[in-house]
Amino acid sequence: MNPRTWGRPVFVLAAAIAGMIAAPALAQASVQPAAGEGSYYTFQKVVYQNDGGWPDNKAYFHRLLHHIAAHITATHGNVEIRVVDFAAGVQMFVMAKDDPELAKQIDDLRAKGVRFLICHNTLEGLKLTAADLYRVPDSDVVPSGVAEVARLQGLGFVYIHP
């Protein structure tokens, strides 16, 4: 045996054990930005899919809007969010006409820059127009909700379906 390598296996084992002990602490430390470093999150472009939440759409819509508000808070507003509403998700805007709490959540998010895009195919299938929905301008109606999600992903938006 070469006397210069006698301690090497012990050293390698000790380094591996030290790495296993230190890794969780390092991972924990990297999650939180240091004082004065700013936000942990960089600018994000996100598309949320809203196709409803059977069997309780109302509860689902409130949770969805809450998650989006929390996303904005976590990123300190350093985010561009689009919500593509199709199928049963369009019911959120039908319900908001008679639900002041739901309408307020939608309005608050719009005030923070969130755009809600409505599927034309769904409107046609449900025999609705943008005028039948809570504050949806014609400019927020897209030809196809599914195709819009794909288009936005192609433009660099990250897809989220809560």
C-alpha atoms as a PDB file:
ATOM      1  CA  MET A   1       0.000   0.000   0.000  1.00  0.00           C
ATOM      2  CA  ASN A   2       1.098   3.511  -0.758  1.00  0.00           C
ATOM      3  CA  PRO A   3       1.558   5.443   2.506  1.00  0.00           C
ATOM      4  CA  ARG A   4       0.443   8.683   0.796  1.00  0.00           C
ATOM      5  CA  THR A   5      -3.141   7.308   0.262  1.00  0.00           C
ATOM      6  CA  TRP A   6      -3.716   5.624   3.649  1.00  0.00           C
ATOM      7  CA  GLY A   7      -6.074   8.314   4.977  1.00  0.00           C
ATOM      8  CA  ARG A   8      -7.917   8.946   1.717  1.00  0.00           C
ATOM      9  CA  PRO A   9     -10.915   6.571   2.221  1.00  0.00           C
ATOM     10  CA  VAL A  10     -11.566   8.011   5.675  1.00  0.00           C
ATOM     11  CA  PHE A  11     -11.273  11.562   4.333  1.00  0.00           C
ATOM     12  CA  VAL A  12     -13.749  10.820   1.494  1.00  0.00           C
ATOM     13  CA  LEU A  13     -16.221   9.266   3.948  1.00  0.00           C
ATOM     14  CA  ALA A  14     -15.872  12.205   6.356  1.00  0.00           C
ATOM     15  CA  ALA A  15     -16.442  14.691   3.495  1.00  0.00           C
ATOM     16  CA  ALA A  16     -19.552  12.799   2.366  1.00  0.00           C
ATOM     17  CA  ILE A  17     -20.996  12.791   5.893  1.00  0.00           C
ATOM     18  CA  ALA A  18     -20.239  16.506   6.330  1.00  0.00           C
ATOM     19  CA  GLY A  19     -21.977  17.199   3.022  1.00  0.00           C
ATOM     20  CA  MET A  20     -25.096  15.289   4.116  1.00  0.00           C
ATOM     21  CA  ILE A  21     -25.215  17.234   7.375  1.00  0.00           C
ATOM     22  CA  ALA A  22     -24.600  20.630   5.757  1.00  0.00           C
ATOM     23  CA  ALA A  23     -26.903  20.189   2.728  1.00  0.00           C
ATOM     24  CA  PRO A  24     -30.218  20.748   4.567  1.00  0.00           C
ATOM     25  CA  ALA A  25     -28.821  23.843   6.291  1.00  0.00           C
ATOM     26  CA  LEU A  26     -27.522  25.227   2.999  1.00  0.00           C
ATOM     27  CA  ALA A  27     -30.833  24.482   1.263  1.00  0.00           C
ATOM     28  CA  GLN A  28     -32.725  26.239   4.057  1.00  0.00           C
ATOM     29  CA  ALA A  29     -30.406  29.244   3.886  1.00  0.00           C
ATOM     30  CA  SER A  30     -30.841  29.576   0.116  1.00  0.00           C
ATOM     31  CA  VAL A  31     -34.649  29.759   0.384  1.00  0.00           C
ATOM     32  CA  GLN A  32     -34.685  33.118   2.129  1.00  0.00           C
ATOM     33  CA  PRO A  33     -32.995  36.173   0.639  1.00  0.00           C
ATOM     34  CA  ALA A  34     -30.447  37.924   2.811  1.00  0.00           C
ATOM     35  CA  ALA A  35     -31.374  41.286   4.265  1.00  0.00           C
ATOM     36  CA  GLY A  36     -31.243  43.969   1.614  1.00  0.00           C
ATOM     37  CA  GLU A  37     -31.099  41.529  -1.320  1.00  0.00           C
ATOM     38  CA  GLY A  38     -34.676  42.138  -2.467  1.00  0.00           C
ATOM     39  CA  SER A  39     -37.219  39.577  -3.514  1.00  0.00           C
ATOM     40  CA  TYR A  40     -36.451  35.887  -3.692  1.00  0.00           C
ATOM     41  CA  TYR A  41     -38.469  35.645  -6.922  1.00  0.00           C
ATOM     42  CA  THR A  42     -37.466  37.064 -10.280  1.00  0.00           C
ATOM     43  CA  PHE A  43     -40.058  38.389 -12.732  1.00  0.00           C
ATOM     44  CA  GLN A  44     -42.580  35.732 -13.732  1.00  0.00           C
ATOM     45  CA  LYS A  45     -45.061  35.346 -16.580  1.00  0.00           C
ATOM     46  CA  VAL A  46     -47.832  32.942 -15.585  1.00  0.00           C
ATOM     47  CA  VAL A  47     -51.013  31.616 -17.156  1.00  0.00           C
ATOM     48  CA  TYR A  48     -53.590  30.065 -14.837  1.00  0.00           C
ATOM     49  CA  GLN A  49     -56.155  27.707 -16.315  1.00  0.00           C
ATOM     50  CA  ASN A  50     -59.684  28.078 -14.961  1.00  0.00           C
ATOM     51  CA  ASP A  51     -62.030  25.410 -16.227  1.00  0.00           C
ATOM     52  CA  GLY A  52     -64.115  25.250 -13.075  1.00  0.00           C
ATOM     53  CA  GLY A  53     -63.999  23.103  -9.987  1.00  0.00           C
ATOM     54  CA  TRP A  54     -66.870  20.689  -9.934  1.00  0.00           C
ATOM     55  CA  PRO A  55     -68.744  19.870  -7.711  1.00  0.00           C
ATOM     56  CA  ASP A  56     -68.431  23.219  -5.892  1.00  0.00           C
ATOM     57  CA  ASN A  57     -67.482  25.891  -8.421  1.00  0.00           C
ATOM     58  CA  LYS A  58     -68.065  28.738  -5.964  1.00  0.00           C
ATOM     59  CA  ALA A  59     -65.544  27.423  -3.427  1.00  0.00           C
ATOM     60  CA  TYR A  60     -63.092  26.617  -6.225  1.00  0.00           C
ATOM     61  CA  PHE A  61     -63.352  30.122  -7.715  1.00  0.00           C
ATOM     62  CA  HIS A  62     -62.717  31.758  -4.332  1.00  0.00           C
ATOM     63  CA  ARG A  63     -59.674  29.499  -3.756  1.00  0.00           C
ATOM     64  CA  LEU A  64     -58.344  30.167  -7.258  1.00  0.00           C
ATOM     65  CA  LEU A  65     -58.584  33.933  -6.812  1.00  0.00           C
ATOM     66  CA  HIS A  66     -57.035  33.674  -3.343  1.00  0.00           C
ATOM     67  CA  HIS A  67     -54.078  31.705  -4.777  1.00  0.00           C
ATOM     68  CA  ILE A  68     -53.559  34.303  -7.493  1.00  0.00           C
ATOM     69  CA  ALA A  69     -53.600  37.118  -4.905  1.00  0.00           C
ATOM     70  CA  ALA A  70     -51.083  35.167  -2.796  1.00  0.00           C
ATOM     71  CA  HIS A  71     -48.898  34.705  -5.898  1.00  0.00           C
ATOM     72  CA  ILE A  72     -48.855  38.461  -6.459  1.00  0.00           C
ATOM     73  CA  THR A  73     -48.000  39.080  -2.804  1.00  0.00           C
ATOM     74  CA  ALA A  74     -45.190  36.493  -2.793  1.00  0.00           C
ATOM     75  CA  THR A  75     -43.583  38.039  -5.874  1.00  0.00           C
ATOM     76  CA  HIS A  76     -44.142  41.605  -4.643  1.00  0.00           C
ATOM     77  CA  GLY A  77     -46.131  42.220  -7.835  1.00  0.00           C
ATOM     78  CA  ASN A  78     -43.161  41.226  -9.975  1.00  0.00           C
ATOM     79  CA  VAL A  79     -45.417  38.996 -12.098  1.00  0.00           C
ATOM     80  CA  GLU A  80     -47.618  39.129 -15.190  1.00  0.00           C
ATOM     81  CA  ILE A  81     -50.680  36.927 -14.789  1.00  0.00           C
ATOM     82  CA  ARG A  82     -53.286  35.834 -17.298  1.00  0.00           C
ATOM     83  CA  VAL A  83     -56.213  33.642 -16.311  1.00  0.00           C
ATOM     84  CA  VAL A  84     -57.747  31.716 -19.194  1.00  0.00           C
ATOM     85  CA  ASP A  85     -61.366  30.886 -18.414  1.00  0.00           C
ATOM     86  CA  PHE A  86     -63.169  28.209 -20.398  1.00  0.00           C
ATOM     87  CA  ALA A  87     -65.750  25.452 -19.930  1.00  0.00           C
ATOM     88  CA  ALA A  88     -67.202  25.683 -16.390  1.00  0.00           C
ATOM     89  CA  GLY A  89     -64.613  28.360 -15.528  1.00  0.00           C
ATOM     90  CA  VAL A  90     -66.700  30.948 -17.387  1.00  0.00           C
ATOM     91  CA  GLN A  91     -69.357  30.456 -14.705  1.00  0.00           C
ATOM     92  CA  MET A  92     -67.139  32.496 -12.369  1.00  0.00           C
ATOM     93  CA  PHE A  93     -68.150  35.618 -14.319  1.00  0.00           C
ATOM     94  CA  VAL A  94     -71.823  34.629 -14.444  1.00  0.00           C
ATOM     95  CA  MET A  95     -71.804  34.091 -10.667  1.00  0.00           C
ATOM     96  CA  ALA A  96     -69.890  37.321  -9.986  1.00  0.00           C
ATOM     97  CA  LYS A  97     -72.827  39.355 -11.313  1.00  0.00           C
ATOM     98  CA  ASP A  98     -74.780  38.288  -8.203  1.00  0.00           C
ATOM     99  CA  ASP A  99     -71.937  37.616  -5.757  1.00  0.00           C
ATOM    100  CA  PRO A 100     -70.355  40.847  -4.463  1.00  0.00           C
ATOM    101  CA  GLU A 101     -67.508  38.993  -2.700  1.00  0.00           C
ATOM    102  CA  LEU A 102     -66.520  37.148  -5.887  1.00  0.00           C
ATOM    103  CA  ALA A 103     -66.843  40.376  -7.902  1.00  0.00           C
ATOM    104  CA  LYS A 104     -64.576  42.186  -5.423  1.00  0.00           C
ATOM    105  CA  GLN A 105     -61.894  39.478  -5.671  1.00  0.00           C
ATOM    106  CA  ILE A 106     -61.966  39.752  -9.473  1.00  0.00           C
ATOM    107  CA  ASP A 107     -61.849  43.565  -9.360  1.00  0.00           C
ATOM    108  CA  ASP A 108     -58.965  43.571  -6.855  1.00  0.00           C
ATOM    109  CA  LEU A 109     -56.918  41.274  -9.081  1.00  0.00           C
ATOM    110  CA  ARG A 110     -57.695  43.294 -12.198  1.00  0.00           C
ATOM    111  CA  ALA A 111     -56.496  46.394 -10.335  1.00  0.00           C
ATOM    112  CA  LYS A 112     -53.186  44.551  -9.805  1.00  0.00           C
ATOM    113  CA  GLY A 113     -52.849  43.863 -13.525  1.00  0.00           C
ATOM    114  CA  VAL A 114     -54.333  40.372 -13.809  1.00  0.00           C
ATOM    115  CA  ARG A 115     -56.067  39.782 -17.153  1.00  0.00           C
ATOM    116  CA  PHE A 116     -58.965  37.358 -17.352  1.00  0.00           C
ATOM    117  CA  LEU A 117     -59.389  35.912 -20.836  1.00  0.00           C
ATOM    118  CA  ILE A 118     -62.673  34.257 -21.800  1.00  0.00           C
ATOM    119  CA  CYS A 119     -63.076  31.456 -24.356  1.00  0.00           C
ATOM    120  CA  HIS A 120     -65.316  32.398 -27.285  1.00  0.00           C
ATOM    121  CA  ASN A 121     -66.063  28.718 -27.980  1.00  0.00           C
ATOM    122  CA  THR A 122     -67.414  28.321 -24.446  1.00  0.00           C
ATOM    123  CA  LEU A 123     -69.550  31.454 -24.766  1.00  0.00           C
ATOM    124  CA  GLU A 124     -70.998  30.114 -27.995  1.00  0.00           C
ATOM    125  CA  GLY A 125     -71.664  26.709 -26.468  1.00  0.00           C
ATOM    126  CA  LEU A 126     -73.421  28.270 -23.471  1.00  0.00           C
ATOM    127  CA  LYS A 127     -75.240  30.814 -25.653  1.00  0.00           C
ATOM    128  CA  LEU A 128     -73.664  33.711 -23.736  1.00  0.00           C
ATOM    129  CA  THR A 129     -72.002  36.955 -24.763  1.00  0.00           C
ATOM    130  CA  ALA A 130     -69.400  39.031 -22.945  1.00  0.00           C
ATOM    131  CA  ALA A 131     -72.288  41.305 -21.872  1.00  0.00           C
ATOM    132  CA  ASP A 132     -73.772  38.374 -19.903  1.00  0.00           C
ATOM    133  CA  LEU A 133     -70.631  38.180 -17.772  1.00  0.00           C
ATOM    134  CA  TYR A 134     -69.309  40.327 -14.938  1.00  0.00           C
ATOM    135  CA  ARG A 135     -67.315  43.223 -16.443  1.00  0.00           C
ATOM    136  CA  VAL A 136     -65.813  41.347 -19.381  1.00  0.00           C
ATOM    137  CA  PRO A 137     -64.938  43.586 -22.322  1.00  0.00           C
ATOM    138  CA  ASP A 138     -65.024  42.117 -25.819  1.00  0.00           C
ATOM    139  CA  SER A 139     -61.246  42.593 -25.987  1.00  0.00           C
ATOM    140  CA  ASP A 140     -60.836  39.904 -23.280  1.00  0.00           C
ATOM    141  CA  VAL A 141     -62.628  37.247 -25.339  1.00  0.00           C
ATOM    142  CA  VAL A 142     -60.195  34.913 -27.126  1.00  0.00           C
ATOM    143  CA  PRO A 143     -61.124  32.472 -29.906  1.00  0.00           C
ATOM    144  CA  SER A 144     -60.261  29.313 -27.912  1.00  0.00           C
ATOM    145  CA  GLY A 145     -59.336  28.909 -24.258  1.00  0.00           C
ATOM    146  CA  VAL A 146     -57.217  25.811 -24.785  1.00  0.00           C
ATOM    147  CA  ALA A 147     -55.421  27.346 -27.763  1.00  0.00           C
ATOM    148  CA  GLU A 148     -54.843  30.524 -25.716  1.00  0.00           C
ATOM    149  CA  VAL A 149     -53.130  28.556 -22.952  1.00  0.00           C
ATOM    150  CA  ALA A 150     -50.838  26.989 -25.573  1.00  0.00           C
ATOM    151  CA  ARG A 151     -50.213  30.375 -27.232  1.00  0.00           C
ATOM    152  CA  LEU A 152     -49.229  31.965 -23.924  1.00  0.00           C
ATOM    153  CA  GLN A 153     -46.923  29.068 -23.096  1.00  0.00           C
ATOM    154  CA  GLY A 154     -45.244  29.647 -26.443  1.00  0.00           C
ATOM    155  CA  LEU A 155     -44.713  33.260 -25.385  1.00  0.00           C
ATOM    156  CA  GLY A 156     -42.906  32.145 -22.227  1.00  0.00           C
ATOM    157  CA  PHE A 157     -45.780  32.005 -19.732  1.00  0.00           C
ATOM    158  CA  VAL A 158     -45.547  29.223 -17.156  1.00  0.00           C
ATOM    159  CA  TYR A 159     -48.692  27.093 -16.934  1.00  0.00           C
ATOM    160  CA  ILE A 160     -50.514  26.593 -13.632  1.00  0.00           C
ATOM    161  CA  HIS A 161     -53.729  24.635 -13.108  1.00  0.00           C
ATOM    162  CA  PRO A 162     -54.600  24.738  -9.412  1.00  0.00           C
END
